Amino acid sequence: MADVYAPEGMFPSGSERTLGERITLAILRAEGVAEPGPFHLENTAAFLHLLPVACFQTAADATARAVRVQIVTPPSALSREGQKQLVSEITQIVAEVAQDPTIARATWVLLTEAAEGGWGISGTAYGRDEFAALARRAANKTA
């Protein structure tokens, strides 16, 4: 799951789908999902938070041009190489979609691992066992 925080106007109008889709697919690649099926595609999401320019500040600038991307994954979903790959790829995606290569230097990517059982949807707190069961059910439906 990804939350993207950016000032309004950072991305061209109509680019939201491109940004969300590219980020979610990058997450799946970094997690080692070579061929995502419906289970992966329907349960990997991006939430875009486009906020007033004044909401982005640094100590030096009251209206900083910056992007913050927080990725939340299930426990142990990313290896160290996956972390490196994901930070690099997300930074590149943001710069490409923004059509501004300089924004890469002000793109923060935060990787957060949900605690075991600390990931919930439809009233269920998911941990390794629940994720595995959900994946098996989804695989059985497509078989």
C-alpha atoms as a PDB file:
ATOM      1  CA  MET A   1       0.000   0.000   0.000  1.00  0.00           C
ATOM      2  CA  ALA A   2       1.259   3.468  -0.825  1.00  0.00           C
ATOM      3  CA  ASP A   3       0.390   6.952   0.324  1.00  0.00           C
ATOM      4  CA  VAL A   4       1.708   9.704  -1.925  1.00  0.00           C
ATOM      5  CA  TYR A   5       1.718  13.233  -0.522  1.00  0.00           C
ATOM      6  CA  ALA A   6       2.446  16.016  -2.987  1.00  0.00           C
ATOM      7  CA  PRO A   7       1.559  19.645  -3.496  1.00  0.00           C
ATOM      8  CA  GLU A   8      -1.272  20.399  -5.901  1.00  0.00           C
ATOM      9  CA  GLY A   9       0.092  20.936  -9.383  1.00  0.00           C
ATOM     10  CA  MET A  10       3.105  18.646  -8.874  1.00  0.00           C
ATOM     11  CA  PHE A  11       1.739  16.132 -11.371  1.00  0.00           C
ATOM     12  CA  PRO A  12       0.063  16.942 -14.677  1.00  0.00           C
ATOM     13  CA  SER A  13      -3.723  16.842 -14.695  1.00  0.00           C
ATOM     14  CA  GLY A  14      -4.971  13.366 -15.527  1.00  0.00           C
ATOM     15  CA  SER A  15      -1.750  11.596 -14.493  1.00  0.00           C
ATOM     16  CA  GLU A  16      -3.179  10.185 -11.239  1.00  0.00           C
ATOM     17  CA  ARG A  17      -3.928   6.736 -12.693  1.00  0.00           C
ATOM     18  CA  THR A  18      -0.470   6.466 -14.234  1.00  0.00           C
ATOM     19  CA  LEU A  19       1.175   7.412 -10.933  1.00  0.00           C
ATOM     20  CA  GLY A  20      -0.939   5.036  -8.854  1.00  0.00           C
ATOM     21  CA  GLU A  21      -0.591   2.108 -11.216  1.00  0.00           C
ATOM     22  CA  ARG A  22       3.159   2.475 -11.653  1.00  0.00           C
ATOM     23  CA  ILE A  23       3.729   2.741  -7.903  1.00  0.00           C
ATOM     24  CA  THR A  24       1.598  -0.299  -7.064  1.00  0.00           C
ATOM     25  CA  LEU A  25       3.316  -2.399  -9.719  1.00  0.00           C
ATOM     26  CA  ALA A  26       6.718  -1.265  -8.392  1.00  0.00           C
ATOM     27  CA  ILE A  27       5.718  -2.466  -4.921  1.00  0.00           C
ATOM     28  CA  LEU A  28       4.749  -5.874  -6.269  1.00  0.00           C
ATOM     29  CA  ARG A  29       8.037  -6.196  -8.198  1.00  0.00           C
ATOM     30  CA  ALA A  30      10.049  -5.280  -5.102  1.00  0.00           C
ATOM     31  CA  GLU A  31       8.118  -7.884  -3.113  1.00  0.00           C
ATOM     32  CA  GLY A  32       9.140 -10.482  -5.706  1.00  0.00           C
ATOM     33  CA  VAL A  33       5.742 -10.915  -7.352  1.00  0.00           C
ATOM     34  CA  ALA A  34       6.794 -11.745 -10.918  1.00  0.00           C
ATOM     35  CA  GLU A  35       3.312 -12.270 -12.351  1.00  0.00           C
ATOM     36  CA  PRO A  36       0.680 -10.505 -10.251  1.00  0.00           C
ATOM     37  CA  GLY A  37      -2.749 -12.069 -10.380  1.00  0.00           C
ATOM     38  CA  PRO A  38      -6.100 -10.628  -9.334  1.00  0.00           C
ATOM     39  CA  PHE A  39      -5.322 -11.180  -5.633  1.00  0.00           C
ATOM     40  CA  HIS A  40      -2.221  -8.970  -5.849  1.00  0.00           C
ATOM     41  CA  LEU A  41      -3.689  -6.394  -8.214  1.00  0.00           C
ATOM     42  CA  GLU A  42      -6.898  -5.933  -6.218  1.00  0.00           C
ATOM     43  CA  ASN A  43      -5.102  -5.665  -2.862  1.00  0.00           C
ATOM     44  CA  THR A  44      -2.203  -3.354  -3.663  1.00  0.00           C
ATOM     45  CA  ALA A  45      -3.364   0.249  -3.555  1.00  0.00           C
ATOM     46  CA  ALA A  46      -2.084   3.792  -3.900  1.00  0.00           C
ATOM     47  CA  PHE A  47      -3.714   6.722  -2.154  1.00  0.00           C
ATOM     48  CA  LEU A  48      -2.856  10.107  -3.649  1.00  0.00           C
ATOM     49  CA  HIS A  49      -2.968  13.088  -1.302  1.00  0.00           C
ATOM     50  CA  LEU A  50      -2.628  16.284  -3.324  1.00  0.00           C
ATOM     51  CA  LEU A  51      -2.510  19.122  -0.819  1.00  0.00           C
ATOM     52  CA  PRO A  52      -2.236  22.915  -0.967  1.00  0.00           C
ATOM     53  CA  VAL A  53       1.303  24.090  -1.697  1.00  0.00           C
ATOM     54  CA  ALA A  54       1.550  25.724   1.746  1.00  0.00           C
ATOM     55  CA  CYS A  55       1.289  22.252   3.338  1.00  0.00           C
ATOM     56  CA  PHE A  56       4.821  21.386   2.145  1.00  0.00           C
ATOM     57  CA  GLN A  57       7.507  23.151   4.132  1.00  0.00           C
ATOM     58  CA  THR A  58      11.140  22.775   5.060  1.00  0.00           C
ATOM     59  CA  ALA A  59      13.143  24.800   7.537  1.00  0.00           C
ATOM     60  CA  ALA A  60      14.360  26.830   4.550  1.00  0.00           C
ATOM     61  CA  ASP A  61      11.200  27.174   2.463  1.00  0.00           C
ATOM     62  CA  ALA A  62       7.572  27.852   3.417  1.00  0.00           C
ATOM     63  CA  THR A  63       6.364  26.354   0.128  1.00  0.00           C
ATOM     64  CA  ALA A  64       8.836  23.583  -0.622  1.00  0.00           C
ATOM     65  CA  ARG A  65       8.494  21.385  -3.701  1.00  0.00           C
ATOM     66  CA  ALA A  66       8.716  17.923  -2.217  1.00  0.00           C
ATOM     67  CA  VAL A  67       7.002  14.557  -2.429  1.00  0.00           C
ATOM     68  CA  ARG A  68       6.557  12.069   0.399  1.00  0.00           C
ATOM     69  CA  VAL A  69       5.746   8.466  -0.463  1.00  0.00           C
ATOM     70  CA  GLN A  70       5.050   6.052   2.361  1.00  0.00           C
ATOM     71  CA  ILE A  71       4.948   2.384   1.460  1.00  0.00           C
ATOM     72  CA  VAL A  72       3.387  -0.032   3.962  1.00  0.00           C
ATOM     73  CA  THR A  73       4.039  -3.721   3.404  1.00  0.00           C
ATOM     74  CA  PRO A  74       3.147  -6.906   5.238  1.00  0.00           C
ATOM     75  CA  PRO A  75       5.787  -8.241   7.638  1.00  0.00           C
ATOM     76  CA  SER A  76       8.993  -9.368   5.876  1.00  0.00           C
ATOM     77  CA  ALA A  77       7.617  -8.647   2.390  1.00  0.00           C
ATOM     78  CA  LEU A  78      10.728  -6.735   1.301  1.00  0.00           C
ATOM     79  CA  SER A  79      14.281  -8.028   1.330  1.00  0.00           C
ATOM     80  CA  ARG A  80      17.109  -5.490   1.649  1.00  0.00           C
ATOM     81  CA  GLU A  81      17.538  -5.599  -2.135  1.00  0.00           C
ATOM     82  CA  GLY A  82      13.793  -5.117  -2.525  1.00  0.00           C
ATOM     83  CA  GLN A  83      13.973  -2.039  -0.296  1.00  0.00           C
ATOM     84  CA  LYS A  84      16.764  -0.523  -2.384  1.00  0.00           C
ATOM     85  CA  GLN A  85      14.966  -1.352  -5.624  1.00  0.00           C
ATOM     86  CA  LEU A  86      11.686   0.131  -4.410  1.00  0.00           C
ATOM     87  CA  VAL A  87      13.148   3.420  -3.154  1.00  0.00           C
ATOM     88  CA  SER A  88      15.024   3.891  -6.430  1.00  0.00           C
ATOM     89  CA  GLU A  89      12.063   2.975  -8.606  1.00  0.00           C
ATOM     90  CA  ILE A  90       9.522   5.100  -6.692  1.00  0.00           C
ATOM     91  CA  THR A  91      11.848   8.112  -6.895  1.00  0.00           C
ATOM     92  CA  GLN A  92      12.213   7.591 -10.647  1.00  0.00           C
ATOM     93  CA  ILE A  93       8.447   7.175 -11.140  1.00  0.00           C
ATOM     94  CA  VAL A  94       7.684  10.391  -9.237  1.00  0.00           C
ATOM     95  CA  ALA A  95      10.199  12.370 -11.318  1.00  0.00           C
ATOM     96  CA  GLU A  96       8.939  10.903 -14.594  1.00  0.00           C
ATOM     97  CA  VAL A  97       5.247  11.439 -13.870  1.00  0.00           C
ATOM     98  CA  ALA A  98       5.935  14.948 -12.540  1.00  0.00           C
ATOM     99  CA  GLN A  99       7.966  15.581 -15.709  1.00  0.00           C
ATOM    100  CA  ASP A 100      10.608  17.134 -13.460  1.00  0.00           C
ATOM    101  CA  PRO A 101      13.878  15.238 -12.949  1.00  0.00           C
ATOM    102  CA  THR A 102      14.923  17.695 -10.209  1.00  0.00           C
ATOM    103  CA  ILE A 103      12.099  16.535  -7.910  1.00  0.00           C
ATOM    104  CA  ALA A 104      14.033  13.289  -7.337  1.00  0.00           C
ATOM    105  CA  ARG A 105      16.281  15.114  -4.853  1.00  0.00           C
ATOM    106  CA  ALA A 106      13.202  16.115  -2.817  1.00  0.00           C
ATOM    107  CA  THR A 107      11.323  12.804  -2.998  1.00  0.00           C
ATOM    108  CA  TRP A 108      11.168  11.034   0.343  1.00  0.00           C
ATOM    109  CA  VAL A 109      10.314   7.330   0.277  1.00  0.00           C
ATOM    110  CA  LEU A 110       9.463   5.855   3.659  1.00  0.00           C
ATOM    111  CA  LEU A 111       9.262   2.088   3.971  1.00  0.00           C
ATOM    112  CA  THR A 112       7.050   0.874   6.789  1.00  0.00           C
ATOM    113  CA  GLU A 113       6.492  -2.749   7.694  1.00  0.00           C
ATOM    114  CA  ALA A 114       3.165  -3.481   9.344  1.00  0.00           C
ATOM    115  CA  ALA A 115       3.393  -5.408  12.582  1.00  0.00           C
ATOM    116  CA  GLU A 116       2.330  -9.052  12.519  1.00  0.00           C
ATOM    117  CA  GLY A 117      -1.453  -8.874  12.532  1.00  0.00           C
ATOM    118  CA  GLY A 118      -1.325  -5.096  12.106  1.00  0.00           C
ATOM    119  CA  TRP A 119      -2.788  -5.009   8.614  1.00  0.00           C
ATOM    120  CA  GLY A 120      -6.561  -5.161   8.363  1.00  0.00           C
ATOM    121  CA  ILE A 121      -9.352  -5.060   5.834  1.00  0.00           C
ATOM    122  CA  SER A 122     -12.985  -6.166   5.959  1.00  0.00           C
ATOM    123  CA  GLY A 123     -12.769  -6.455   9.736  1.00  0.00           C
ATOM    124  CA  THR A 124      -9.882  -8.949   9.756  1.00  0.00           C
ATOM    125  CA  ALA A 125      -6.406  -8.240  11.130  1.00  0.00           C
ATOM    126  CA  TYR A 126      -4.048  -9.995   8.746  1.00  0.00           C
ATOM    127  CA  GLY A 127      -0.806 -11.672   9.716  1.00  0.00           C
ATOM    128  CA  ARG A 128       1.265 -14.281   7.864  1.00  0.00           C
ATOM    129  CA  ASP A 129      -1.296 -17.050   8.365  1.00  0.00           C
ATOM    130  CA  GLU A 130      -4.248 -14.956   7.212  1.00  0.00           C
ATOM    131  CA  PHE A 131      -2.354 -13.626   4.173  1.00  0.00           C
ATOM    132  CA  ALA A 132      -1.326 -17.161   3.207  1.00  0.00           C
ATOM    133  CA  ALA A 133      -4.904 -18.427   3.521  1.00  0.00           C
ATOM    134  CA  LEU A 134      -6.215 -15.492   1.489  1.00  0.00           C
ATOM    135  CA  ALA A 135      -3.653 -16.114  -1.250  1.00  0.00           C
ATOM    136  CA  ARG A 136      -4.532 -19.826  -1.349  1.00  0.00           C
ATOM    137  CA  ARG A 137      -8.242 -19.046  -1.678  1.00  0.00           C
ATOM    138  CA  ALA A 138      -7.537 -16.587  -4.484  1.00  0.00           C
ATOM    139  CA  ALA A 139      -5.313 -19.129  -6.266  1.00  0.00           C
ATOM    140  CA  ASN A 140      -8.003 -21.803  -5.995  1.00  0.00           C
ATOM    141  CA  LYS A 141     -10.563 -19.465  -7.571  1.00  0.00           C
ATOM    142  CA  THR A 142      -8.353 -18.909 -10.625  1.00  0.00           C
ATOM    143  CA  ALA A 143      -7.404 -22.574 -10.994  1.00  0.00           C
END
